[in-house]
N, C-alpha and C. Protein backbone atom coordinates (compact mmCIF):
# COMPACT_ATOMS: atom_id res chain seq x y z
N LEU A 1 -31.52 -40.20 17.38
CA LEU A 1 -31.01 -40.87 16.17
C LEU A 1 -30.61 -39.83 15.10
N GLY A 2 -31.48 -38.81 14.99
CA GLY A 2 -31.19 -37.78 13.99
C GLY A 2 -29.90 -37.06 14.28
N ILE A 3 -29.62 -36.75 15.54
CA ILE A 3 -28.39 -36.06 15.92
C ILE A 3 -27.17 -36.92 15.63
N VAL A 4 -27.28 -38.21 15.97
CA VAL A 4 -26.19 -39.15 15.72
C VAL A 4 -25.89 -39.25 14.24
N LEU A 5 -26.97 -39.30 13.43
CA LEU A 5 -26.79 -39.40 11.98
C LEU A 5 -26.11 -38.16 11.42
N THR A 6 -26.51 -36.97 11.94
CA THR A 6 -25.90 -35.72 11.48
C THR A 6 -24.42 -35.68 11.79
N VAL A 7 -24.05 -36.08 13.01
CA VAL A 7 -22.64 -36.11 13.40
C VAL A 7 -21.87 -37.08 12.53
N LEU A 8 -22.48 -38.25 12.26
CA LEU A 8 -21.81 -39.26 11.44
C LEU A 8 -21.55 -38.75 10.03
N ILE A 9 -22.55 -38.07 9.47
CA ILE A 9 -22.40 -37.53 8.12
C ILE A 9 -21.30 -36.48 8.07
N SER A 10 -21.26 -35.62 9.09
CA SER A 10 -20.24 -34.56 9.13
C SER A 10 -18.85 -35.15 9.21
N VAL A 11 -18.71 -36.27 9.92
CA VAL A 11 -17.41 -36.93 10.02
C VAL A 11 -17.02 -37.55 8.70
N LEU A 12 -18.00 -38.17 8.04
CA LEU A 12 -17.72 -38.85 6.78
C LEU A 12 -17.35 -37.89 5.66
N VAL A 13 -17.97 -36.68 5.66
CA VAL A 13 -17.71 -35.76 4.56
C VAL A 13 -16.44 -34.96 4.75
N LYS A 14 -15.83 -35.06 5.92
CA LYS A 14 -14.55 -34.38 6.12
C LYS A 14 -13.52 -34.91 5.14
N ARG A 15 -12.81 -34.01 4.52
CA ARG A 15 -11.81 -34.43 3.55
C ARG A 15 -10.53 -34.85 4.26
N ASN A 16 -9.79 -35.69 3.57
CA ASN A 16 -8.49 -36.10 4.08
C ASN A 16 -7.61 -34.86 4.26
N PRO A 17 -6.99 -34.68 5.43
CA PRO A 17 -6.24 -33.45 5.68
C PRO A 17 -5.10 -33.21 4.70
N GLU A 18 -4.36 -34.23 4.37
CA GLU A 18 -3.25 -34.05 3.44
C GLU A 18 -3.74 -33.65 2.06
N GLU A 19 -4.80 -34.31 1.61
CA GLU A 19 -5.36 -33.97 0.30
C GLU A 19 -5.91 -32.55 0.29
N LEU A 20 -6.56 -32.18 1.38
CA LEU A 20 -7.13 -30.84 1.49
C LEU A 20 -6.03 -29.77 1.43
N LEU A 21 -4.96 -29.99 2.17
CA LEU A 21 -3.87 -29.02 2.19
C LEU A 21 -3.15 -28.97 0.85
N ASN A 22 -2.95 -30.14 0.23
CA ASN A 22 -2.32 -30.18 -1.09
C ASN A 22 -3.15 -29.44 -2.13
N GLN A 23 -4.47 -29.63 -2.05
CA GLN A 23 -5.35 -28.96 -3.01
C GLN A 23 -5.31 -27.44 -2.80
N ALA A 24 -5.28 -27.02 -1.55
CA ALA A 24 -5.19 -25.59 -1.25
C ALA A 24 -3.89 -25.02 -1.80
N ASN A 25 -2.80 -25.75 -1.62
CA ASN A 25 -1.50 -25.29 -2.12
C ASN A 25 -1.49 -25.19 -3.64
N GLU A 26 -2.12 -26.17 -4.29
CA GLU A 26 -2.18 -26.15 -5.76
C GLU A 26 -2.97 -24.94 -6.26
N LEU A 27 -4.08 -24.66 -5.58
CA LEU A 27 -4.89 -23.50 -5.96
C LEU A 27 -4.11 -22.20 -5.74
N TYR A 28 -3.36 -22.17 -4.66
CA TYR A 28 -2.54 -20.98 -4.38
C TYR A 28 -1.51 -20.77 -5.49
N LEU A 29 -0.81 -21.82 -5.85
CA LEU A 29 0.21 -21.71 -6.89
C LEU A 29 -0.39 -21.35 -8.24
N ALA A 30 -1.65 -21.76 -8.45
CA ALA A 30 -2.33 -21.47 -9.71
C ALA A 30 -2.92 -20.06 -9.73
N GLY A 31 -2.82 -19.35 -8.61
CA GLY A 31 -3.36 -18.00 -8.56
C GLY A 31 -4.84 -17.93 -8.26
N SER A 32 -5.43 -19.06 -7.86
CA SER A 32 -6.86 -19.09 -7.50
C SER A 32 -6.97 -18.81 -6.00
N TYR A 33 -6.75 -17.57 -5.64
CA TYR A 33 -6.57 -17.24 -4.22
C TYR A 33 -7.87 -17.34 -3.41
N THR A 34 -8.99 -16.99 -4.01
CA THR A 34 -10.26 -17.08 -3.28
C THR A 34 -10.54 -18.52 -2.87
N GLN A 35 -10.37 -19.45 -3.83
CA GLN A 35 -10.60 -20.87 -3.51
C GLN A 35 -9.57 -21.39 -2.53
N ALA A 36 -8.33 -20.95 -2.68
CA ALA A 36 -7.29 -21.38 -1.76
C ALA A 36 -7.59 -20.91 -0.34
N ILE A 37 -8.06 -19.67 -0.22
CA ILE A 37 -8.42 -19.13 1.09
C ILE A 37 -9.50 -19.99 1.75
N ASP A 38 -10.49 -20.39 0.95
CA ASP A 38 -11.57 -21.23 1.48
C ASP A 38 -11.03 -22.56 2.00
N LEU A 39 -10.12 -23.18 1.25
CA LEU A 39 -9.61 -24.49 1.65
C LEU A 39 -8.65 -24.40 2.83
N TYR A 40 -7.83 -23.37 2.86
CA TYR A 40 -6.96 -23.20 4.04
C TYR A 40 -7.82 -22.97 5.29
N GLY A 41 -8.89 -22.20 5.11
CA GLY A 41 -9.80 -21.97 6.24
C GLY A 41 -10.47 -23.25 6.69
N GLU A 42 -10.86 -24.06 5.74
CA GLU A 42 -11.49 -25.35 6.07
C GLU A 42 -10.50 -26.25 6.80
N TYR A 43 -9.27 -26.27 6.33
CA TYR A 43 -8.25 -27.10 6.96
C TYR A 43 -8.03 -26.66 8.41
N LEU A 44 -7.90 -25.36 8.62
CA LEU A 44 -7.64 -24.86 9.97
C LEU A 44 -8.83 -25.08 10.90
N LYS A 45 -10.03 -25.06 10.33
CA LYS A 45 -11.22 -25.30 11.13
C LYS A 45 -11.30 -26.75 11.59
N ASN A 46 -10.95 -27.66 10.70
CA ASN A 46 -11.13 -29.08 11.00
C ASN A 46 -9.88 -29.80 11.50
N TYR A 47 -8.70 -29.25 11.18
CA TYR A 47 -7.46 -29.97 11.51
C TYR A 47 -6.43 -29.06 12.18
N SER A 48 -6.89 -28.21 13.06
CA SER A 48 -5.99 -27.26 13.70
C SER A 48 -4.91 -27.92 14.54
N GLU A 49 -5.14 -29.19 14.90
CA GLU A 49 -4.15 -29.91 15.73
C GLU A 49 -3.09 -30.59 14.88
N LYS A 50 -3.25 -30.61 13.58
CA LYS A 50 -2.31 -31.29 12.70
C LYS A 50 -1.02 -30.47 12.56
N SER A 51 0.04 -31.17 12.21
CA SER A 51 1.34 -30.50 12.07
C SER A 51 1.36 -29.48 10.94
N GLY A 52 0.48 -29.66 9.97
CA GLY A 52 0.44 -28.74 8.84
C GLY A 52 -0.33 -27.46 9.10
N SER A 53 -0.88 -27.33 10.30
CA SER A 53 -1.72 -26.16 10.57
C SER A 53 -0.91 -24.85 10.55
N SER A 54 0.34 -24.88 11.00
CA SER A 54 1.15 -23.66 10.98
C SER A 54 1.40 -23.19 9.55
N THR A 55 1.74 -24.14 8.70
CA THR A 55 1.94 -23.80 7.29
C THR A 55 0.65 -23.30 6.66
N ALA A 56 -0.46 -23.95 7.01
CA ALA A 56 -1.75 -23.53 6.46
C ALA A 56 -2.10 -22.11 6.88
N ARG A 57 -1.80 -21.76 8.13
CA ARG A 57 -2.11 -20.41 8.60
C ARG A 57 -1.25 -19.38 7.88
N ILE A 58 0.02 -19.70 7.66
CA ILE A 58 0.89 -18.78 6.92
C ILE A 58 0.40 -18.62 5.49
N LYS A 59 0.08 -19.73 4.86
CA LYS A 59 -0.40 -19.70 3.48
C LYS A 59 -1.74 -18.96 3.37
N LEU A 60 -2.57 -19.10 4.37
CA LEU A 60 -3.84 -18.37 4.37
C LEU A 60 -3.57 -16.86 4.36
N GLY A 61 -2.65 -16.42 5.20
CA GLY A 61 -2.31 -15.01 5.23
C GLY A 61 -1.72 -14.54 3.91
N LEU A 62 -0.84 -15.34 3.34
CA LEU A 62 -0.22 -14.97 2.07
C LEU A 62 -1.26 -14.93 0.94
N ALA A 63 -2.20 -15.88 0.98
CA ALA A 63 -3.24 -15.90 -0.04
C ALA A 63 -4.10 -14.65 0.04
N LYS A 64 -4.41 -14.21 1.25
CA LYS A 64 -5.19 -12.98 1.40
C LYS A 64 -4.40 -11.78 0.87
N MET A 65 -3.09 -11.78 1.11
CA MET A 65 -2.25 -10.70 0.59
C MET A 65 -2.20 -10.73 -0.93
N ARG A 66 -2.03 -11.94 -1.48
CA ARG A 66 -1.99 -12.07 -2.94
C ARG A 66 -3.30 -11.62 -3.56
N GLN A 67 -4.39 -11.99 -2.93
CA GLN A 67 -5.70 -11.60 -3.43
C GLN A 67 -5.84 -10.07 -3.43
N ALA A 68 -5.37 -9.44 -2.36
CA ALA A 68 -5.48 -7.98 -2.25
C ALA A 68 -4.60 -7.27 -3.28
N THR A 69 -3.40 -7.79 -3.53
CA THR A 69 -2.50 -7.13 -4.48
C THR A 69 -2.96 -7.29 -5.92
N SER A 70 -3.85 -8.23 -6.16
CA SER A 70 -4.31 -8.46 -7.53
C SER A 70 -5.64 -7.79 -7.82
N GLN A 71 -6.16 -6.99 -6.90
CA GLN A 71 -7.47 -6.38 -7.05
C GLN A 71 -7.39 -5.00 -7.71
N SER A 72 -7.13 -5.01 -9.00
CA SER A 72 -7.21 -3.79 -9.83
C SER A 72 -6.48 -2.58 -9.24
N GLY A 73 -5.28 -2.81 -8.71
CA GLY A 73 -4.47 -1.70 -8.26
C GLY A 73 -4.96 -0.98 -7.03
N ASN A 74 -5.71 -1.66 -6.18
CA ASN A 74 -6.15 -1.04 -4.92
C ASN A 74 -5.02 -1.18 -3.90
N TRP A 75 -3.99 -0.37 -4.08
CA TRP A 75 -2.78 -0.52 -3.27
C TRP A 75 -2.98 -0.13 -1.81
N PRO A 76 -3.79 0.85 -1.47
CA PRO A 76 -4.04 1.10 -0.04
C PRO A 76 -4.64 -0.10 0.66
N LYS A 77 -5.58 -0.79 0.00
CA LYS A 77 -6.17 -2.00 0.57
C LYS A 77 -5.13 -3.10 0.68
N ALA A 78 -4.27 -3.21 -0.32
CA ALA A 78 -3.22 -4.23 -0.29
C ALA A 78 -2.29 -4.01 0.90
N LEU A 79 -1.94 -2.77 1.17
CA LEU A 79 -1.09 -2.47 2.32
C LEU A 79 -1.81 -2.80 3.63
N GLU A 80 -3.08 -2.46 3.71
CA GLU A 80 -3.86 -2.74 4.92
C GLU A 80 -3.89 -4.24 5.21
N VAL A 81 -4.18 -5.03 4.18
CA VAL A 81 -4.24 -6.49 4.35
C VAL A 81 -2.88 -7.04 4.71
N ALA A 82 -1.84 -6.58 4.03
CA ALA A 82 -0.49 -7.07 4.30
C ALA A 82 -0.09 -6.78 5.74
N SER A 83 -0.36 -5.58 6.21
CA SER A 83 0.00 -5.21 7.58
C SER A 83 -0.73 -6.09 8.59
N GLN A 84 -2.01 -6.30 8.36
CA GLN A 84 -2.81 -7.12 9.28
C GLN A 84 -2.34 -8.56 9.30
N GLU A 85 -2.14 -9.13 8.12
CA GLU A 85 -1.78 -10.55 8.05
C GLU A 85 -0.36 -10.80 8.56
N LEU A 86 0.56 -9.91 8.24
CA LEU A 86 1.93 -10.09 8.70
C LEU A 86 2.02 -10.02 10.22
N GLU A 87 1.20 -9.18 10.80
CA GLU A 87 1.19 -9.09 12.26
C GLU A 87 0.75 -10.41 12.88
N GLN A 88 -0.13 -11.13 12.19
CA GLN A 88 -0.67 -12.37 12.73
C GLN A 88 0.21 -13.58 12.45
N ILE A 89 0.93 -13.58 11.33
CA ILE A 89 1.65 -14.79 10.95
C ILE A 89 3.17 -14.70 11.14
N SER A 90 3.70 -13.51 11.37
CA SER A 90 5.16 -13.37 11.41
C SER A 90 5.79 -14.05 12.62
N GLY A 91 5.00 -14.35 13.62
CA GLY A 91 5.55 -15.01 14.80
C GLY A 91 5.55 -16.52 14.73
N ILE A 92 4.99 -17.08 13.67
CA ILE A 92 4.95 -18.55 13.51
C ILE A 92 6.34 -19.05 13.11
N ASP A 93 6.74 -20.18 13.69
CA ASP A 93 8.11 -20.69 13.49
C ASP A 93 8.47 -20.85 12.02
N GLU A 94 7.54 -21.33 11.22
CA GLU A 94 7.84 -21.62 9.81
C GLU A 94 7.72 -20.38 8.91
N PHE A 95 7.49 -19.23 9.50
CA PHE A 95 7.20 -18.03 8.72
C PHE A 95 8.28 -17.70 7.70
N VAL A 96 9.51 -17.64 8.13
CA VAL A 96 10.60 -17.24 7.23
C VAL A 96 10.71 -18.21 6.06
N THR A 97 10.68 -19.49 6.36
CA THR A 97 10.82 -20.50 5.31
C THR A 97 9.67 -20.45 4.32
N GLU A 98 8.45 -20.33 4.84
CA GLU A 98 7.27 -20.41 3.99
C GLU A 98 6.96 -19.10 3.26
N ALA A 99 7.31 -17.98 3.87
CA ALA A 99 6.81 -16.71 3.34
C ALA A 99 7.83 -15.86 2.60
N ARG A 100 9.10 -16.13 2.77
CA ARG A 100 10.12 -15.21 2.26
C ARG A 100 9.99 -14.95 0.76
N ALA A 101 9.86 -16.00 -0.04
CA ALA A 101 9.80 -15.82 -1.49
C ALA A 101 8.59 -14.98 -1.89
N ASP A 102 7.45 -15.26 -1.28
CA ASP A 102 6.23 -14.53 -1.62
C ASP A 102 6.35 -13.06 -1.22
N LEU A 103 6.89 -12.81 -0.05
CA LEU A 103 7.02 -11.43 0.42
C LEU A 103 8.03 -10.65 -0.41
N THR A 104 9.07 -11.33 -0.86
CA THR A 104 10.06 -10.68 -1.72
C THR A 104 9.42 -10.21 -3.02
N ALA A 105 8.41 -10.93 -3.47
CA ALA A 105 7.70 -10.55 -4.69
C ALA A 105 6.62 -9.50 -4.42
N MET A 106 5.86 -9.71 -3.36
CA MET A 106 4.68 -8.88 -3.12
C MET A 106 4.97 -7.50 -2.54
N LEU A 107 5.79 -7.44 -1.53
CA LEU A 107 5.95 -6.18 -0.79
C LEU A 107 6.52 -5.05 -1.65
N PRO A 108 7.54 -5.31 -2.50
CA PRO A 108 7.98 -4.23 -3.40
C PRO A 108 6.88 -3.79 -4.37
N ASP A 109 6.02 -4.74 -4.79
CA ASP A 109 4.91 -4.37 -5.67
C ASP A 109 3.98 -3.37 -4.98
N ILE A 110 3.68 -3.63 -3.71
CA ILE A 110 2.79 -2.74 -2.97
C ILE A 110 3.43 -1.36 -2.82
N ALA A 111 4.71 -1.32 -2.46
CA ALA A 111 5.40 -0.04 -2.31
C ALA A 111 5.44 0.71 -3.64
N ASP A 112 5.69 0.00 -4.71
CA ASP A 112 5.76 0.61 -6.04
C ASP A 112 4.40 1.17 -6.44
N GLY A 113 3.36 0.35 -6.27
CA GLY A 113 2.02 0.80 -6.63
C GLY A 113 1.59 2.03 -5.85
N LEU A 114 1.90 2.05 -4.57
CA LEU A 114 1.54 3.19 -3.74
C LEU A 114 2.32 4.44 -4.13
N SER A 115 3.59 4.28 -4.47
CA SER A 115 4.39 5.44 -4.86
C SER A 115 3.87 6.06 -6.15
N GLN A 116 3.44 5.22 -7.09
CA GLN A 116 2.87 5.74 -8.33
C GLN A 116 1.54 6.45 -8.07
N LEU A 117 0.75 5.89 -7.16
CA LEU A 117 -0.52 6.52 -6.80
C LEU A 117 -0.27 7.86 -6.09
N ALA A 118 0.73 7.89 -5.23
CA ALA A 118 1.07 9.13 -4.52
C ALA A 118 1.46 10.23 -5.50
N LEU A 119 2.24 9.88 -6.50
CA LEU A 119 2.67 10.88 -7.49
C LEU A 119 1.52 11.31 -8.38
N LYS A 120 0.62 10.39 -8.67
CA LYS A 120 -0.54 10.72 -9.52
C LYS A 120 -1.52 11.63 -8.79
N GLU A 121 -1.81 11.31 -7.53
CA GLU A 121 -2.84 12.06 -6.79
C GLU A 121 -2.27 13.18 -5.94
N LEU A 122 -0.95 13.19 -5.76
CA LEU A 122 -0.29 14.19 -4.90
C LEU A 122 -1.00 14.27 -3.55
N ASP A 123 -1.06 13.11 -2.92
CA ASP A 123 -1.78 12.97 -1.65
C ASP A 123 -0.77 12.59 -0.56
N SER A 124 -0.66 13.44 0.46
CA SER A 124 0.30 13.20 1.54
C SER A 124 0.01 11.88 2.27
N ALA A 125 -1.26 11.54 2.40
CA ALA A 125 -1.62 10.30 3.09
C ALA A 125 -1.10 9.09 2.33
N VAL A 126 -1.17 9.15 1.00
CA VAL A 126 -0.68 8.03 0.19
C VAL A 126 0.85 7.97 0.24
N VAL A 127 1.49 9.13 0.32
CA VAL A 127 2.95 9.15 0.49
C VAL A 127 3.33 8.40 1.76
N GLU A 128 2.60 8.66 2.85
CA GLU A 128 2.88 7.98 4.12
C GLU A 128 2.63 6.49 4.02
N MET A 129 1.60 6.10 3.28
CA MET A 129 1.36 4.67 3.05
C MET A 129 2.55 4.04 2.33
N SER A 130 3.09 4.76 1.35
CA SER A 130 4.24 4.25 0.60
C SER A 130 5.44 4.05 1.52
N VAL A 131 5.63 4.99 2.43
CA VAL A 131 6.73 4.88 3.40
C VAL A 131 6.51 3.65 4.28
N ASP A 132 5.27 3.42 4.69
CA ASP A 132 4.97 2.23 5.51
C ASP A 132 5.24 0.95 4.72
N ALA A 133 4.90 0.96 3.45
CA ALA A 133 5.15 -0.21 2.61
C ALA A 133 6.65 -0.48 2.47
N LEU A 134 7.44 0.58 2.30
CA LEU A 134 8.89 0.42 2.23
C LEU A 134 9.44 -0.14 3.54
N ALA A 135 8.84 0.26 4.65
CA ALA A 135 9.27 -0.27 5.95
C ALA A 135 9.01 -1.77 6.04
N LEU A 136 7.91 -2.24 5.45
CA LEU A 136 7.64 -3.68 5.42
C LEU A 136 8.68 -4.41 4.58
N VAL A 137 9.07 -3.80 3.48
CA VAL A 137 10.12 -4.40 2.64
C VAL A 137 11.41 -4.55 3.46
N GLU A 138 11.79 -3.51 4.14
CA GLU A 138 13.02 -3.54 4.92
C GLU A 138 12.94 -4.54 6.08
N LYS A 139 11.74 -4.73 6.60
CA LYS A 139 11.58 -5.62 7.74
C LYS A 139 11.52 -7.10 7.34
N TYR A 140 10.88 -7.38 6.21
CA TYR A 140 10.59 -8.78 5.88
C TYR A 140 11.35 -9.32 4.67
N VAL A 141 12.00 -8.46 3.91
CA VAL A 141 12.76 -8.92 2.75
C VAL A 141 14.25 -8.77 3.05
N PRO A 142 15.02 -9.85 3.00
CA PRO A 142 16.46 -9.76 3.28
C PRO A 142 17.14 -8.77 2.35
N SER A 143 18.14 -8.07 2.85
CA SER A 143 18.82 -7.06 2.04
C SER A 143 19.36 -7.63 0.74
N SER A 144 19.81 -8.88 0.79
CA SER A 144 20.38 -9.50 -0.41
C SER A 144 19.33 -9.78 -1.47
N ALA A 145 18.06 -9.80 -1.08
CA ALA A 145 16.98 -10.12 -2.02
C ALA A 145 16.18 -8.89 -2.45
N ARG A 146 16.53 -7.73 -1.92
CA ARG A 146 15.76 -6.53 -2.24
C ARG A 146 16.10 -6.01 -3.65
N PRO A 147 15.10 -5.57 -4.40
CA PRO A 147 15.35 -4.99 -5.73
C PRO A 147 15.85 -3.56 -5.58
N VAL A 148 17.15 -3.40 -5.46
CA VAL A 148 17.74 -2.11 -5.10
C VAL A 148 17.35 -1.00 -6.06
N THR A 149 17.47 -1.24 -7.36
CA THR A 149 17.16 -0.21 -8.35
C THR A 149 15.69 0.19 -8.26
N ARG A 150 14.83 -0.78 -8.11
CA ARG A 150 13.40 -0.50 -8.02
C ARG A 150 13.08 0.31 -6.77
N LEU A 151 13.67 -0.05 -5.66
CA LEU A 151 13.43 0.68 -4.42
C LEU A 151 13.96 2.11 -4.50
N THR A 152 15.08 2.29 -5.20
CA THR A 152 15.61 3.64 -5.41
C THR A 152 14.63 4.47 -6.23
N ASP A 153 14.05 3.85 -7.25
CA ASP A 153 13.06 4.55 -8.08
C ASP A 153 11.83 4.93 -7.25
N ILE A 154 11.42 4.03 -6.37
CA ILE A 154 10.26 4.30 -5.52
C ILE A 154 10.53 5.50 -4.63
N ARG A 155 11.70 5.51 -4.00
CA ARG A 155 12.05 6.63 -3.11
C ARG A 155 12.16 7.94 -3.89
N GLY A 156 12.70 7.86 -5.10
CA GLY A 156 12.79 9.05 -5.93
C GLY A 156 11.41 9.58 -6.30
N ARG A 157 10.50 8.66 -6.60
CA ARG A 157 9.12 9.04 -6.94
C ARG A 157 8.45 9.74 -5.75
N LEU A 158 8.71 9.23 -4.57
CA LEU A 158 8.12 9.83 -3.36
C LEU A 158 8.70 11.22 -3.10
N ASP A 159 9.98 11.39 -3.39
CA ASP A 159 10.59 12.71 -3.23
C ASP A 159 9.93 13.73 -4.17
N VAL A 160 9.67 13.29 -5.40
CA VAL A 160 9.00 14.18 -6.36
C VAL A 160 7.59 14.50 -5.87
N ALA A 161 6.88 13.48 -5.39
CA ALA A 161 5.51 13.70 -4.90
C ALA A 161 5.50 14.69 -3.74
N ARG A 162 6.44 14.51 -2.82
CA ARG A 162 6.51 15.44 -1.67
C ARG A 162 6.76 16.87 -2.14
N ARG A 163 7.67 17.02 -3.09
CA ARG A 163 7.99 18.37 -3.58
C ARG A 163 6.78 18.99 -4.29
N GLU A 164 6.07 18.17 -5.07
CA GLU A 164 4.90 18.68 -5.78
C GLU A 164 3.80 19.07 -4.80
N ILE A 165 3.62 18.26 -3.77
CA ILE A 165 2.62 18.58 -2.75
C ILE A 165 2.98 19.88 -2.05
N ALA A 166 4.25 20.00 -1.69
CA ALA A 166 4.71 21.23 -1.03
C ALA A 166 4.56 22.44 -1.94
N ARG A 167 4.82 22.25 -3.23
CA ARG A 167 4.70 23.36 -4.18
C ARG A 167 3.26 23.85 -4.25
N GLY A 168 2.32 22.91 -4.30
CA GLY A 168 0.91 23.29 -4.34
C GLY A 168 0.49 24.04 -3.09
N GLN A 169 0.99 23.59 -1.94
CA GLN A 169 0.66 24.26 -0.68
C GLN A 169 1.26 25.66 -0.65
N LYS A 170 2.51 25.79 -1.09
CA LYS A 170 3.18 27.10 -1.10
C LYS A 170 2.48 28.06 -2.07
N LEU A 171 2.01 27.52 -3.19
CA LEU A 171 1.29 28.35 -4.16
C LEU A 171 0.03 28.94 -3.52
N GLN A 172 -0.74 28.10 -2.87
CA GLN A 172 -1.98 28.58 -2.26
C GLN A 172 -1.69 29.58 -1.13
N GLU A 173 -0.63 29.33 -0.38
CA GLU A 173 -0.26 30.27 0.69
C GLU A 173 0.14 31.62 0.11
N ALA A 174 0.91 31.58 -1.00
CA ALA A 174 1.36 32.83 -1.62
C ALA A 174 0.18 33.61 -2.19
N ILE A 175 -0.75 32.92 -2.84
CA ILE A 175 -1.92 33.60 -3.41
C ILE A 175 -2.76 34.22 -2.30
N ALA A 176 -2.92 33.49 -1.20
CA ALA A 176 -3.68 34.04 -0.07
C ALA A 176 -2.99 35.28 0.50
N ALA A 177 -1.65 35.22 0.58
CA ALA A 177 -0.89 36.38 1.10
C ALA A 177 -1.02 37.57 0.16
N MET A 178 -1.03 37.30 -1.14
CA MET A 178 -1.16 38.38 -2.12
C MET A 178 -2.54 39.04 -2.02
N LYS A 179 -3.57 38.22 -1.87
CA LYS A 179 -4.93 38.75 -1.75
C LYS A 179 -5.06 39.60 -0.48
N GLN A 180 -4.46 39.13 0.59
CA GLN A 180 -4.52 39.87 1.84
C GLN A 180 -3.80 41.21 1.71
N ALA A 181 -2.63 41.15 1.07
CA ALA A 181 -1.85 42.38 0.90
C ALA A 181 -2.61 43.39 0.05
N VAL A 182 -3.25 42.92 -1.01
CA VAL A 182 -4.03 43.83 -1.87
C VAL A 182 -5.18 44.43 -1.08
N GLY A 183 -5.83 43.60 -0.29
CA GLY A 183 -6.94 44.09 0.53
C GLY A 183 -6.51 45.15 1.51
N GLU A 184 -5.25 45.10 1.91
CA GLU A 184 -4.72 46.08 2.86
C GLU A 184 -4.00 47.23 2.18
N GLY A 185 -4.08 47.23 0.82
CA GLY A 185 -3.45 48.30 0.06
C GLY A 185 -1.94 48.20 -0.02
N GLN A 186 -1.38 47.01 0.22
CA GLN A 186 0.07 46.80 0.22
C GLN A 186 0.48 46.02 -1.04
N THR A 187 0.44 46.68 -2.20
CA THR A 187 0.74 45.98 -3.45
C THR A 187 2.18 45.49 -3.52
N GLU A 188 3.11 46.25 -2.97
CA GLU A 188 4.51 45.82 -2.99
C GLU A 188 4.68 44.53 -2.20
N ARG A 189 3.97 44.42 -1.09
CA ARG A 189 4.03 43.20 -0.29
C ARG A 189 3.47 42.01 -1.07
N ALA A 190 2.45 42.28 -1.88
CA ALA A 190 1.87 41.24 -2.71
C ALA A 190 2.89 40.76 -3.76
N TYR A 191 3.57 41.71 -4.38
CA TYR A 191 4.59 41.32 -5.37
C TYR A 191 5.75 40.57 -4.70
N GLN A 192 6.07 40.95 -3.49
CA GLN A 192 7.15 40.27 -2.77
C GLN A 192 6.77 38.83 -2.47
N ALA A 193 5.51 38.59 -2.16
CA ALA A 193 5.05 37.22 -1.91
C ALA A 193 5.22 36.39 -3.17
N ARG A 194 4.95 37.00 -4.34
CA ARG A 194 5.14 36.31 -5.61
C ARG A 194 6.61 36.02 -5.85
N ARG A 195 7.46 37.00 -5.62
CA ARG A 195 8.90 36.81 -5.87
C ARG A 195 9.48 35.71 -4.97
N THR A 196 9.05 35.71 -3.74
CA THR A 196 9.53 34.68 -2.80
C THR A 196 9.12 33.28 -3.26
N LEU A 197 7.89 33.16 -3.74
CA LEU A 197 7.41 31.87 -4.25
C LEU A 197 8.20 31.42 -5.47
N LEU A 198 8.41 32.33 -6.41
CA LEU A 198 9.10 31.96 -7.65
C LEU A 198 10.58 31.67 -7.43
N LYS A 199 11.15 32.22 -6.40
CA LYS A 199 12.55 31.93 -6.10
C LYS A 199 12.71 30.46 -5.74
N GLU A 200 11.72 29.92 -5.04
CA GLU A 200 11.78 28.51 -4.64
C GLU A 200 11.21 27.59 -5.71
N TYR A 201 10.20 28.09 -6.44
CA TYR A 201 9.55 27.26 -7.46
C TYR A 201 9.42 28.06 -8.76
N PRO A 202 10.52 28.20 -9.51
CA PRO A 202 10.53 29.05 -10.71
C PRO A 202 9.49 28.65 -11.76
N THR A 203 9.20 27.37 -11.86
CA THR A 203 8.28 26.92 -12.91
C THR A 203 6.85 27.41 -12.69
N LEU A 204 6.55 27.90 -11.50
CA LEU A 204 5.20 28.41 -11.23
C LEU A 204 4.94 29.74 -11.92
N ILE A 205 5.94 30.30 -12.58
CA ILE A 205 5.74 31.57 -13.28
C ILE A 205 4.66 31.44 -14.35
N ARG A 206 4.46 30.22 -14.84
CA ARG A 206 3.45 29.99 -15.88
C ARG A 206 2.12 29.50 -15.29
N ASN A 207 2.02 29.44 -13.98
CA ASN A 207 0.80 28.93 -13.35
C ASN A 207 -0.37 29.90 -13.53
N ALA A 208 -1.51 29.38 -13.97
CA ALA A 208 -2.66 30.22 -14.28
C ALA A 208 -3.21 30.91 -13.03
N GLN A 209 -3.25 30.20 -11.90
CA GLN A 209 -3.77 30.81 -10.68
C GLN A 209 -2.89 31.99 -10.23
N LEU A 210 -1.58 31.78 -10.37
CA LEU A 210 -0.66 32.85 -9.96
C LEU A 210 -0.79 34.06 -10.88
N ARG A 211 -0.92 33.80 -12.18
CA ARG A 211 -1.09 34.91 -13.13
C ARG A 211 -2.36 35.70 -12.82
N THR A 212 -3.44 34.99 -12.48
CA THR A 212 -4.68 35.68 -12.12
C THR A 212 -4.49 36.55 -10.89
N ALA A 213 -3.74 36.01 -9.92
CA ALA A 213 -3.48 36.77 -8.68
C ALA A 213 -2.65 38.01 -8.97
N VAL A 214 -1.65 37.88 -9.86
CA VAL A 214 -0.81 39.03 -10.23
C VAL A 214 -1.62 40.08 -10.95
N LEU A 215 -2.53 39.64 -11.82
CA LEU A 215 -3.39 40.57 -12.55
C LEU A 215 -4.25 41.39 -11.55
N ALA A 216 -4.74 40.68 -10.53
CA ALA A 216 -5.55 41.38 -9.52
C ALA A 216 -4.72 42.43 -8.79
N VAL A 217 -3.44 42.12 -8.55
CA VAL A 217 -2.55 43.08 -7.88
C VAL A 217 -2.33 44.31 -8.77
N SER A 218 -2.09 44.05 -10.07
CA SER A 218 -1.81 45.16 -11.00
C SER A 218 -3.00 46.09 -11.18
N GLN A 219 -4.18 45.56 -10.96
CA GLN A 219 -5.39 46.36 -11.12
C GLN A 219 -5.85 47.01 -9.81
N ALA A 220 -5.12 46.73 -8.73
CA ALA A 220 -5.54 47.27 -7.43
C ALA A 220 -5.27 48.78 -7.35
């Protein structure tokens, strides 16, 4: 009797599928993504055979992406979630219709956020993440809907980040070469390493590390 009663209660407390899906959609539109995720999950758990299940699955993925992009600028996490969810939902028939507008808004945001982070931290790994995010834009956002000027700015930012990263690497290589040359009594070779570096990166003439290295050469 107890088992029968439990089953009966579980059936009675199930929400109407249309109302449940409508409520989830309303929460999604209101930006309440955590609650929307819960309701889409509940719908898919209880009504996976319903015609609305495909839409619910797409919306669940989009809600997770929206949630990730709104988490205090954690753009690497946003890219991770977007990549995972898109892989799961992009094959659903209703994907283009249901997801296009959201992806047109979200994916450039992720690429933009990552490009700014790459330039701030001068991290090659973040640069590669930015490139991956741009690839998602090209794959899922129609060319006619892409923010061309914004994407150009993103690519320009990445070019600057790459150059700055390379400059830092070249600086350290030059300083190491200068130290080695001094250790071997080859001061002219040390100065040549400096000249070669400054020919490619003239602004490094004011770099404190390089000045210290030059001072060490002059005192050798």
